[in-house]
Amino acid sequence: MATYQFKLPDIGEGIAEAEIVAWHIKVGDRVEEDQQLADMMTDKATVEMESPVAGVVKSLAGEVGDQIAIGSVLVEIETEGAEAAPAEAEEVPLADGAAVPTQAQEEANPTLEVESAPDIVRPERSAERAVEGRSPEPQQERASTSLSTNEDSGIHSRPILTTPAVRARARDLGIDLAQVKHSGTHIRHADLDAFLLYNGAAPTGRGPLRADEQVKVVGLRRKIAENMQAAKRRIPHFALVEEFDVTALEETRAMMNRDRGQNPKLTLLPFLITALNKALADFPMINATYDDEANVITRHGSVHMGMAAQTPNGLMVPVIRNAERLSIWQLATEVARLSDAAKTGKATREELSNPTFTISSLGPMGGVVSTPVISPPQVATIAVNKVEEKVVPVNGELEIRKRMNLSLSCDHRVVDGWDAASFLQALKPLIENPLRLLA
């Protein structure tokens, strides 16, 4: 038998190793030519590895999360006698023609079992029919099971009588009516309120919300963790927050959206990026990167705007190249295109590399204030917080205005507090006066 060694190819300039983020095969599987074997990740680009030959998988280089050196053997495949596929696991037939997987199949395809909660027979159900006026004789015998025997608890030793509405509410809240103190003949809504007030932090007697699980930190999530750890360890952050009136900007955005034709719908992001582009031209120390090993600061002439985007796999930062050259509509098109590429995993390495400044926004979930983390070698980043309506004095009169905070984080080794404050003040007339912004 011949064994073909599939070695990890050079999948990026200057890359020495790649991380296994997913296996699509296992030892013993038969693979065909061009069949997908594994997903390998370098930096923030994921590459699919495909088999150049057909055969049976003999060995795999490692587990998900392992780092594999370029040029080392990733998969060994037997290429002779591969027609004899590995014996499939036997199945135990059922009476109706279905099949039960054997132990080998279950070990190959584990499933998480959740133990169902046992049925609980509540004693108060025995008293429910008494409230509803049903047959009293058997009812009295059943109601005796709901009598309290703990005199020290302060709970009345009497059947639990209440209305269907109170019983349904208690069931929804997970309250055991046997534990509710009451002074009248039956439990009322006020008694439930009192119980919640004084026992709200007490255990409800329910089981865990879900089973414990361990999640291995691999792939993009591990890269994010490493980058954030390096950023907080190496960069002395400081943050500055300023409030902006975006009433006129929101009116302008709504007007432009009404007449947008074939253009994409405008969010606040293209307007804010335009304002940042204009302000950064006067503050080159903020549109900069810092090589702290070589002690060199590079002040960039163009703005390569990083745009933090949440994806199913974690946070990614696609980059709008030469953002200062683009119009509002062109920026909106790039924002939509790059966001979609990041979420679907189609963003290229170039589109995910080397921003000079980053903006992040959570839209209406953006909170009031945030302290974004700088991604080295950048020296600054800005976060957009949510827009809120506030009553503010305008020319001696109170008006309802739309207000929004911007949170700027800076690397104090490169950016001084005065520069950061001046930069935010330079943004104010641009954001609060759309005519100046669009001029």
Protein backbone atom coordinates (compact mmCIF):
# COMPACT_ATOMS: atom_id res chain seq x y z
CA MET A 1 0.00 0.00 0.00
CA ALA A 2 1.17 3.51 -0.80
CA THR A 3 0.75 6.35 1.64
CA TYR A 4 0.34 9.90 0.38
CA GLN A 5 1.48 12.63 2.79
CA PHE A 6 -0.47 15.83 2.34
CA LYS A 7 1.76 18.62 3.64
CA LEU A 8 0.46 22.01 4.72
CA PRO A 9 1.25 24.37 1.82
CA ASP A 10 2.49 27.94 2.09
CA ILE A 11 -0.86 29.76 2.34
CA GLY A 12 0.39 33.27 2.95
CA GLU A 13 3.52 35.31 2.54
CA GLY A 14 5.60 35.26 5.71
CA ILE A 15 3.35 32.70 7.43
CA ALA A 16 5.23 30.08 9.46
CA GLU A 17 2.30 28.13 10.87
CA ALA A 18 -1.47 27.83 10.74
CA GLU A 19 -4.11 26.80 13.22
CA ILE A 20 -6.55 23.94 12.72
CA VAL A 21 -10.00 25.43 13.19
CA ALA A 22 -12.10 22.54 11.81
CA TRP A 23 -11.68 18.95 10.61
CA HIS A 24 -14.11 17.67 7.97
CA ILE A 25 -12.76 14.12 8.08
CA LYS A 26 -11.62 11.54 10.62
CA VAL A 27 -9.27 8.56 10.57
CA GLY A 28 -10.81 5.73 8.55
CA ASP A 29 -12.91 7.97 6.31
CA ARG A 30 -12.70 7.55 2.57
CA VAL A 31 -12.00 10.81 0.77
CA GLU A 32 -12.28 11.70 -2.87
CA GLU A 33 -10.07 14.00 -4.87
CA ASP A 34 -10.81 17.70 -4.15
CA GLN A 35 -12.83 16.79 -1.05
CA GLN A 36 -12.49 19.30 1.78
CA LEU A 37 -10.19 18.06 4.54
CA ALA A 38 -9.78 20.90 7.04
CA ASP A 39 -10.06 24.64 7.63
CA MET A 40 -6.78 26.33 8.51
CA MET A 41 -6.46 29.85 9.90
CA THR A 42 -3.63 32.35 9.61
CA ASP A 43 -4.06 35.72 11.29
CA LYS A 44 -7.73 36.38 10.43
CA ALA A 45 -7.97 34.55 7.10
CA THR A 46 -9.39 31.02 6.97
CA VAL A 47 -8.27 28.72 4.12
CA GLU A 48 -9.94 25.46 3.09
CA MET A 49 -7.60 22.49 2.53
CA GLU A 50 -8.69 20.02 -0.19
CA SER A 51 -7.37 16.54 -0.89
CA PRO A 52 -5.29 16.14 -4.06
CA VAL A 53 -5.86 12.35 -4.07
CA ALA A 54 -8.53 9.77 -3.29
CA GLY A 55 -8.07 7.19 -0.59
CA VAL A 56 -8.60 6.33 3.07
CA VAL A 57 -7.49 8.67 5.86
CA LYS A 58 -4.70 7.04 7.82
CA SER A 59 -3.71 9.79 10.29
CA LEU A 60 -4.34 13.43 11.16
CA ALA A 61 -1.72 15.90 12.36
CA GLY A 62 -3.52 17.25 15.41
CA GLU A 63 -6.72 18.43 17.01
CA VAL A 64 -8.76 21.59 16.55
CA GLY A 65 -6.78 24.47 18.04
CA ASP A 66 -3.33 22.98 17.33
CA GLN A 67 -0.75 25.02 15.42
CA ILE A 68 0.77 23.22 12.40
CA ALA A 69 4.04 24.37 10.79
CA ILE A 70 4.07 25.15 7.08
CA GLY A 71 5.46 22.15 5.20
CA SER A 72 4.64 19.59 7.89
CA VAL A 73 2.35 16.61 7.24
CA LEU A 74 -1.29 17.51 7.80
CA VAL A 75 -3.02 14.29 6.63
CA GLU A 76 -1.79 10.84 5.59
CA ILE A 77 -3.94 9.05 2.99
CA GLU A 78 -3.65 5.43 1.81
CA THR A 79 -4.00 5.52 -1.96
CA GLU A 80 -3.86 1.78 -2.75
CA GLY A 81 -6.67 -0.59 -1.86
CA ALA A 82 -8.82 2.39 -1.00
CA GLU A 83 -11.79 0.82 -2.80
CA ALA A 84 -12.36 -1.34 0.25
CA ALA A 85 -14.09 1.26 2.34
CA PRO A 86 -13.86 0.84 6.09
CA ALA A 87 -16.54 -1.41 7.51
CA GLU A 88 -19.56 0.57 8.52
CA ALA A 89 -20.90 0.26 12.00
CA GLU A 90 -23.60 -2.32 12.40
CA GLU A 91 -27.13 -1.24 13.05
CA VAL A 92 -29.61 -2.98 15.29
CA PRO A 93 -32.99 -3.12 13.51
CA LEU A 94 -36.13 -2.14 15.33
CA ALA A 95 -39.53 -3.66 14.89
CA ASP A 96 -40.72 -0.74 12.76
CA GLY A 97 -37.70 -0.81 10.45
CA ALA A 98 -35.73 2.00 12.18
CA ALA A 99 -32.18 1.39 13.41
CA VAL A 100 -30.45 2.00 16.70
CA PRO A 101 -26.81 3.19 16.42
CA THR A 102 -24.22 0.95 17.95
CA GLN A 103 -21.82 2.11 20.65
CA ALA A 104 -19.17 2.86 18.00
CA GLN A 105 -21.59 5.14 16.15
CA GLU A 106 -22.56 6.94 19.32
CA GLU A 107 -18.91 7.52 20.22
CA ALA A 108 -18.27 8.89 16.74
CA ASN A 109 -21.30 11.20 16.90
CA PRO A 110 -21.75 12.23 20.54
CA THR A 111 -24.89 14.09 21.52
CA LEU A 112 -25.56 16.09 24.62
CA GLU A 113 -28.18 14.41 26.77
CA VAL A 114 -30.38 16.60 28.94
CA GLU A 115 -32.08 14.79 31.76
CA SER A 116 -35.74 15.72 31.86
CA ALA A 117 -37.07 17.06 35.10
CA PRO A 118 -39.30 14.60 37.02
CA ASP A 119 -43.00 15.31 37.15
CA ILE A 120 -43.86 17.19 40.32
CA VAL A 121 -47.21 16.56 41.94
CA ARG A 122 -48.11 19.78 43.67
CA PRO A 123 -50.25 19.28 46.77
CA GLU A 124 -52.08 22.53 46.12
CA ARG A 125 -53.76 20.92 43.10
CA SER A 126 -55.84 18.93 45.61
CA ALA A 127 -57.36 22.14 46.93
CA GLU A 128 -58.01 23.67 43.53
CA ARG A 129 -61.24 21.79 43.03
CA ALA A 130 -62.48 23.02 46.42
CA VAL A 131 -62.10 26.61 45.20
CA GLU A 132 -63.89 25.73 42.01
CA GLY A 133 -66.79 24.15 43.98
CA ARG A 134 -66.28 20.54 43.02
CA SER A 135 -67.13 17.41 45.03
CA PRO A 136 -66.16 18.07 48.66
CA GLU A 137 -65.80 14.55 50.13
CA PRO A 138 -62.85 13.26 48.11
CA GLN A 139 -61.57 16.82 48.04
CA GLN A 140 -61.19 16.96 51.80
CA GLU A 141 -59.19 13.77 51.81
CA ARG A 142 -56.85 15.05 49.08
CA ALA A 143 -56.50 18.50 50.62
CA SER A 144 -55.01 16.99 53.74
CA THR A 145 -51.79 16.40 51.82
CA SER A 146 -51.26 20.14 51.54
CA LEU A 147 -51.29 20.84 55.28
CA SER A 148 -48.07 22.29 56.65
CA THR A 149 -46.40 20.28 59.42
CA ASN A 150 -43.63 22.81 60.13
CA GLU A 151 -45.02 25.00 62.90
CA ASP A 152 -41.75 26.97 63.18
CA SER A 153 -41.90 28.11 59.57
CA GLY A 154 -44.82 30.44 60.17
CA ILE A 155 -46.76 28.88 57.29
CA HIS A 156 -50.42 28.36 58.10
CA SER A 157 -51.47 24.72 58.55
CA ARG A 158 -54.44 24.85 56.24
CA PRO A 159 -55.28 23.83 52.66
CA ILE A 160 -53.73 26.09 50.00
CA LEU A 161 -56.72 27.94 48.61
CA THR A 162 -56.43 30.54 45.90
CA THR A 163 -57.92 31.69 42.60
CA PRO A 164 -56.92 30.26 39.21
CA ALA A 165 -55.32 33.62 38.26
CA VAL A 166 -53.06 33.62 41.33
CA ARG A 167 -52.19 29.96 40.79
CA ALA A 168 -51.26 30.59 37.15
CA ARG A 169 -49.12 33.58 38.11
CA ALA A 170 -47.32 31.57 40.79
CA ARG A 171 -46.65 28.83 38.27
CA ASP A 172 -45.20 31.32 35.77
CA LEU A 173 -42.95 32.80 38.48
CA GLY A 174 -41.85 29.40 39.74
CA ILE A 175 -43.26 30.01 43.23
CA ASP A 176 -44.27 27.08 45.42
CA LEU A 177 -47.57 28.20 46.94
CA ALA A 178 -46.87 26.04 50.01
CA GLN A 179 -44.10 28.52 50.89
CA VAL A 180 -46.27 31.65 50.63
CA LYS A 181 -47.50 33.15 53.90
CA HIS A 182 -50.99 34.60 53.94
CA SER A 183 -53.28 36.01 56.58
CA GLY A 184 -56.67 35.52 54.92
CA THR A 185 -58.60 32.47 53.87
CA HIS A 186 -56.77 32.19 50.55
CA ILE A 187 -53.59 33.39 48.83
CA ARG A 188 -53.97 36.66 46.96
CA HIS A 189 -51.79 38.55 44.46
CA ALA A 190 -50.61 40.77 47.32
CA ASP A 191 -49.29 37.68 49.11
CA LEU A 192 -47.28 36.75 46.01
CA ASP A 193 -45.92 40.31 45.83
CA ALA A 194 -44.83 40.13 49.47
CA PHE A 195 -43.19 36.75 48.88
CA LEU A 196 -41.21 38.12 45.92
CA LEU A 197 -40.21 41.21 47.89
CA TYR A 198 -38.75 39.28 50.81
CA ASN A 199 -37.70 36.05 49.10
CA GLY A 200 -36.77 37.19 45.61
CA ALA A 201 -33.19 36.00 45.99
CA ALA A 202 -34.16 32.63 47.46
CA PRO A 203 -33.73 29.48 45.32
CA THR A 204 -36.87 28.58 43.38
CA GLY A 205 -36.23 24.86 43.53
CA ARG A 206 -35.79 24.58 39.77
CA GLY A 207 -32.95 22.71 38.17
CA PRO A 208 -30.03 24.35 36.29
CA LEU A 209 -30.95 26.46 33.29
CA ARG A 210 -28.65 24.39 31.09
CA ALA A 211 -25.92 21.80 31.31
CA ASP A 212 -22.34 22.96 31.91
CA GLU A 213 -20.21 22.96 28.80
CA GLN A 214 -16.59 23.61 27.98
CA VAL A 215 -15.75 25.57 24.83
CA LYS A 216 -12.23 25.37 23.48
CA VAL A 217 -10.87 28.78 22.48
CA VAL A 218 -9.66 28.31 18.93
CA GLY A 219 -9.55 30.09 15.60
CA LEU A 220 -10.77 33.65 15.42
CA ARG A 221 -11.86 33.69 19.06
CA ARG A 222 -8.30 32.83 20.14
CA LYS A 223 -6.85 35.52 17.85
CA ILE A 224 -9.22 38.07 19.36
CA ALA A 225 -8.22 37.01 22.88
CA GLU A 226 -4.51 37.24 22.09
CA ASN A 227 -4.86 40.64 20.41
CA MET A 228 -6.93 42.12 23.23
CA GLN A 229 -4.54 40.79 25.87
CA ALA A 230 -1.57 42.28 24.01
CA ALA A 231 -3.39 45.58 23.57
CA LYS A 232 -4.23 46.00 27.26
CA ARG A 233 -0.79 44.83 28.36
CA ARG A 234 1.24 47.03 26.02
CA ILE A 235 -0.87 50.15 25.48
CA PRO A 236 -1.51 52.72 28.23
CA HIS A 237 -5.09 53.61 27.31
CA PHE A 238 -6.95 56.75 28.20
CA ALA A 239 -10.51 57.55 27.16
CA LEU A 240 -12.37 60.77 26.50
CA VAL A 241 -16.13 61.07 25.91
CA GLU A 242 -17.96 63.96 24.27
CA GLU A 243 -21.69 64.50 23.65
CA PHE A 244 -22.93 65.60 20.22
CA ASP A 245 -26.26 66.99 19.03
CA VAL A 246 -27.25 64.88 16.02
CA THR A 247 -30.76 66.27 15.50
CA ALA A 248 -29.91 68.03 12.23
CA LEU A 249 -27.75 65.12 11.08
CA GLU A 250 -30.62 62.67 11.59
CA GLU A 251 -32.97 64.96 9.67
CA THR A 252 -30.47 65.16 6.81
CA ARG A 253 -30.02 61.39 6.78
CA ALA A 254 -33.79 60.85 6.61
CA MET A 255 -34.09 63.35 3.75
CA MET A 256 -31.28 61.70 1.76
CA ASN A 257 -32.78 58.24 2.30
CA ARG A 258 -36.11 59.39 0.90
CA ASP A 259 -34.42 60.30 -2.40
CA ARG A 260 -31.68 57.67 -2.47
CA GLY A 261 -32.79 55.92 -5.67
CA GLN A 262 -30.55 52.87 -6.27
CA ASN A 263 -28.10 53.88 -3.54
CA PRO A 264 -27.89 51.84 -0.31
CA LYS A 265 -29.82 53.03 2.72
CA LEU A 266 -27.75 55.43 4.81
CA THR A 267 -26.96 54.76 8.44
CA LEU A 268 -25.10 57.20 10.68
CA LEU A 269 -21.82 55.39 10.04
CA PRO A 270 -20.95 56.92 6.61
CA PHE A 271 -21.61 60.42 7.98
CA LEU A 272 -19.40 59.80 11.02
CA ILE A 273 -16.62 58.32 8.87
CA THR A 274 -16.77 61.43 6.66
CA ALA A 275 -16.45 63.67 9.71
CA LEU A 276 -13.52 61.60 11.01
CA ASN A 277 -11.77 61.79 7.63
CA LYS A 278 -11.96 65.59 7.65
CA ALA A 279 -10.82 65.94 11.28
CA LEU A 280 -7.99 63.41 11.02
CA ALA A 281 -6.40 65.51 8.28
CA ASP A 282 -5.62 68.11 10.96
CA PHE A 283 -4.59 65.58 13.62
CA PRO A 284 -2.00 63.29 12.03
CA MET A 285 -0.81 62.10 15.45
CA ILE A 286 -4.15 60.26 15.80
CA ASN A 287 -4.26 58.73 12.31
CA ALA A 288 -1.01 56.95 13.09
CA THR A 289 0.58 53.61 13.97
CA TYR A 290 3.32 52.99 16.51
CA ASP A 291 6.03 50.34 16.25
CA ASP A 292 6.99 50.17 19.92
CA GLU A 293 9.87 47.76 19.26
CA ALA A 294 11.56 50.06 16.75
CA ASN A 295 10.26 53.20 18.52
CA VAL A 296 8.90 54.58 15.26
CA ILE A 297 5.60 56.45 14.81
CA THR A 298 4.15 56.51 11.29
CA ARG A 299 1.71 59.33 10.60
CA HIS A 300 -0.39 58.20 7.66
CA GLY A 301 -1.43 60.50 4.83
CA SER A 302 -4.47 58.39 3.89
CA VAL A 303 -7.20 57.15 6.19
CA HIS A 304 -7.59 53.38 6.09
CA MET A 305 -10.72 53.18 8.24
CA GLY A 306 -11.15 50.00 10.24
CA MET A 307 -14.78 49.15 10.87
CA ALA A 308 -15.44 46.76 13.76
CA ALA A 309 -18.06 44.21 12.66
CA GLN A 310 -19.69 41.47 14.71
CA THR A 311 -19.79 38.14 12.87
CA PRO A 312 -21.02 34.64 13.84
CA ASN A 313 -17.39 33.73 14.59
CA GLY A 314 -16.52 36.85 16.58
CA LEU A 315 -15.33 40.41 16.06
CA MET A 316 -13.63 41.24 12.76
CA VAL A 317 -12.32 44.56 11.42
CA PRO A 318 -12.68 45.01 7.65
CA VAL A 319 -10.89 48.08 6.32
CA ILE A 320 -12.15 50.81 4.00
CA ARG A 321 -9.05 51.79 1.98
CA ASN A 322 -8.47 55.51 1.32
CA ALA A 323 -11.75 56.39 2.99
CA GLU A 324 -11.04 60.11 2.63
CA ARG A 325 -11.55 59.82 -1.14
CA LEU A 326 -15.08 58.40 -0.92
CA SER A 327 -18.42 60.20 -0.86
CA ILE A 328 -21.21 59.48 1.61
CA TRP A 329 -22.89 57.13 -0.86
CA GLN A 330 -19.64 55.37 -1.75
CA LEU A 331 -18.87 54.90 1.94
CA ALA A 332 -22.34 53.43 2.50
CA THR A 333 -21.73 50.96 -0.32
CA GLU A 334 -18.34 49.92 1.12
CA VAL A 335 -19.75 49.59 4.65
CA ALA A 336 -22.48 47.25 3.39
CA ARG A 337 -20.13 45.24 1.16
CA LEU A 338 -17.39 44.75 3.75
CA SER A 339 -19.84 43.95 6.55
CA ASP A 340 -21.42 41.23 4.42
CA ALA A 341 -18.02 39.85 3.40
CA ALA A 342 -16.90 39.65 7.03
CA LYS A 343 -20.10 37.94 8.20
CA THR A 344 -20.01 35.36 5.41
CA GLY A 345 -16.27 34.69 5.74
CA LYS A 346 -15.52 36.02 2.25
CA ALA A 347 -13.40 39.01 3.28
CA THR A 348 -9.90 38.84 1.79
CA ARG A 349 -6.66 39.17 3.73
CA GLU A 350 -6.15 42.64 2.25
CA GLU A 351 -9.61 43.71 3.39
CA LEU A 352 -8.82 42.69 6.97
CA SER A 353 -5.34 44.18 7.31
CA ASN A 354 -3.59 47.37 8.39
CA PRO A 355 -6.19 49.95 9.42
CA THR A 356 -4.84 53.31 10.56
CA PHE A 357 -7.90 54.21 12.68
CA THR A 358 -10.96 52.20 13.75
CA ILE A 359 -14.59 53.05 14.40
CA SER A 360 -17.02 50.70 16.15
CA SER A 361 -20.75 51.02 16.59
CA LEU A 362 -23.43 48.86 18.19
CA GLY A 363 -26.26 51.01 16.89
CA PRO A 364 -29.19 51.32 19.30
CA MET A 365 -27.45 48.89 21.70
CA GLY A 366 -24.40 51.13 21.96
CA GLY A 367 -24.97 52.15 25.55
CA VAL A 368 -24.35 55.60 26.98
CA VAL A 369 -20.55 55.43 27.37
CA SER A 370 -17.97 52.87 26.24
CA THR A 371 -14.20 52.50 26.46
CA PRO A 372 -13.05 50.80 23.23
CA VAL A 373 -9.78 48.85 23.19
CA ILE A 374 -7.07 49.98 20.76
CA SER A 375 -5.75 47.32 18.40
CA PRO A 376 -1.98 47.76 17.97
CA PRO A 377 -0.17 49.21 16.13
CA GLN A 378 -2.96 51.83 15.89
CA VAL A 379 -2.87 54.61 18.47
CA ALA A 380 -6.57 55.52 18.65
CA THR A 381 -10.07 54.17 18.16
CA ILE A 382 -13.55 55.65 18.54
CA ALA A 383 -16.86 54.06 19.59
CA VAL A 384 -20.33 55.27 18.67
CA ASN A 385 -22.91 55.16 21.45
CA LYS A 386 -26.67 55.15 21.04
CA VAL A 387 -28.76 58.16 20.04
CA GLU A 388 -31.14 59.36 22.76
CA GLU A 389 -33.77 62.06 22.92
CA LYS A 390 -33.06 64.55 25.72
CA VAL A 391 -34.58 67.76 26.96
CA VAL A 392 -31.87 70.42 26.63
CA PRO A 393 -31.83 74.24 26.80
CA VAL A 394 -31.54 75.89 23.38
CA ASN A 395 -31.39 79.72 23.26
CA GLY A 396 -33.06 79.96 26.67
CA GLU A 397 -35.86 77.48 25.88
CA LEU A 398 -36.19 73.77 26.53
CA GLU A 399 -36.26 71.53 23.45
CA ILE A 400 -36.21 67.80 22.79
CA ARG A 401 -33.02 67.08 20.87
CA LYS A 402 -31.29 63.91 19.68
CA ARG A 403 -27.97 63.50 21.46
CA MET A 404 -25.17 60.95 21.11
CA ASN A 405 -21.85 60.29 22.84
CA LEU A 406 -18.61 59.43 21.06
CA SER A 407 -15.97 57.60 23.12
CA LEU A 408 -12.37 58.10 22.03
CA SER A 409 -9.58 55.83 23.32
CA CYS A 410 -5.95 56.86 22.75
CA ASP A 411 -2.47 55.47 23.30
CA HIS A 412 -0.99 57.86 25.85
CA ARG A 413 2.53 57.11 24.63
CA VAL A 414 1.69 58.86 21.37
CA VAL A 415 -1.42 61.00 21.89
CA ASP A 416 -1.68 63.68 24.59
CA GLY A 417 -4.92 64.52 26.33
CA TRP A 418 -4.98 67.99 24.76
CA ASP A 419 -4.76 66.47 21.27
CA ALA A 420 -7.60 64.05 22.00
CA ALA A 421 -9.84 66.80 23.39
CA SER A 422 -9.04 69.08 20.46
CA PHE A 423 -9.84 66.30 18.01
CA LEU A 424 -13.30 65.73 19.53
CA GLN A 425 -13.99 69.46 19.48
CA ALA A 426 -13.00 69.56 15.79
CA LEU A 427 -15.61 66.87 15.14
CA LYS A 428 -18.40 68.89 16.75
CA PRO A 429 -19.10 71.47 14.00
CA LEU A 430 -18.87 68.75 11.36
CA ILE A 431 -21.32 66.36 13.02
CA GLU A 432 -23.70 69.01 14.33
CA ASN A 433 -23.80 70.98 11.04
CA PRO A 434 -24.47 68.59 8.12
CA LEU A 435 -24.01 71.34 5.52
CA ARG A 436 -20.43 71.83 6.65
CA LEU A 437 -19.95 68.06 6.75
CA LEU A 438 -21.16 67.55 3.17
CA ALA A 439 -19.45 70.64 1.71
